[in-house]
Amino acid sequence: MLIIPVLDISQGHVVHAHKGMRDNYQPVQSRLTTGSDLHEIINAFLSLYPFEIIYIADLDAIQGHAGNRSLIKSLPGYFPGICFWVDAGATPGHDLPYHGVKGFQSILGSENRLSFKDTSRLLTSQPEPVLSLDFSDYGLIGDQKLLQNPEQWPRRIIAMTIHRVGSSSGPDFEKIQTVLDLAPSKQVFAAGGIRDEQDIENLNQCGVAGILIATALHDLTITYDIISSKADKKMPR
């Protein structure tokens, strides 16, 4: 199983994401370190475990504002051994901001609400992005044709249950299983609400390829021993 720490960034700081209510996000409070500086948090994650992939959500860019591109694009220079998976929004007719840039893997989130045609164009570009299927309590956020055409999906998909993010309320297994059932030959990554070792084990039993976590790392609920016992020794890019 691939275990990927998550960083949500707004106005240059790492914030605590909670159920998608972005207007209320505050600078993260972590037991790993005292501040919310991006480099400081990355170093804190790496002191916990030698992660090879880190997921970044540029919340400002996702919401259509000026993003944190200069800050994010500088990261490979400081952390050359890390591949950064970045969701920085998407707009019709444009390529993804980090598409093909060394040290980065682009994420295409359904919450950008692109048309199925625009989404399909981006999904067929090379190197192919990771598709994030973003769910609320009510279902998929974005064009419903995405769920109706799983043959269009790339090899890696994130089942992102935004209504559980930062809540420590446990994964939404029903929505994650829906994605797994639609894409039995794909690598599916679960995100949102993962609390502890038991959640990780349950998701592993479901057949996910990996998980995205933040709060449980900051709270030290998920420790080095847990990560090292669950994580793949060779992490695929």
Foldseek 3Di string as FASTA:
>chain_A
DAEAEEFEDDPQWTWAAAQNPVVPTDGDPFPQDGGGHPVVVVVSVCVQDPHQEYEYEQPQQQVPHDTDVVVVVCVCVVVVRHQYEYERHDDAPDAFPCPPPPSYAYEYEQLSQDEPVRVLVQCPDPPGHEYEQEAEPVGTRHDPVCLVCVVSHDQHYEDHHSSQGSVLPAFPVVSQLSVCVSCVRHAYEYEGNHAALVSLVVVVVSPHNYYYDYPNVRHVRQGSVSCVVRHDPDDDD
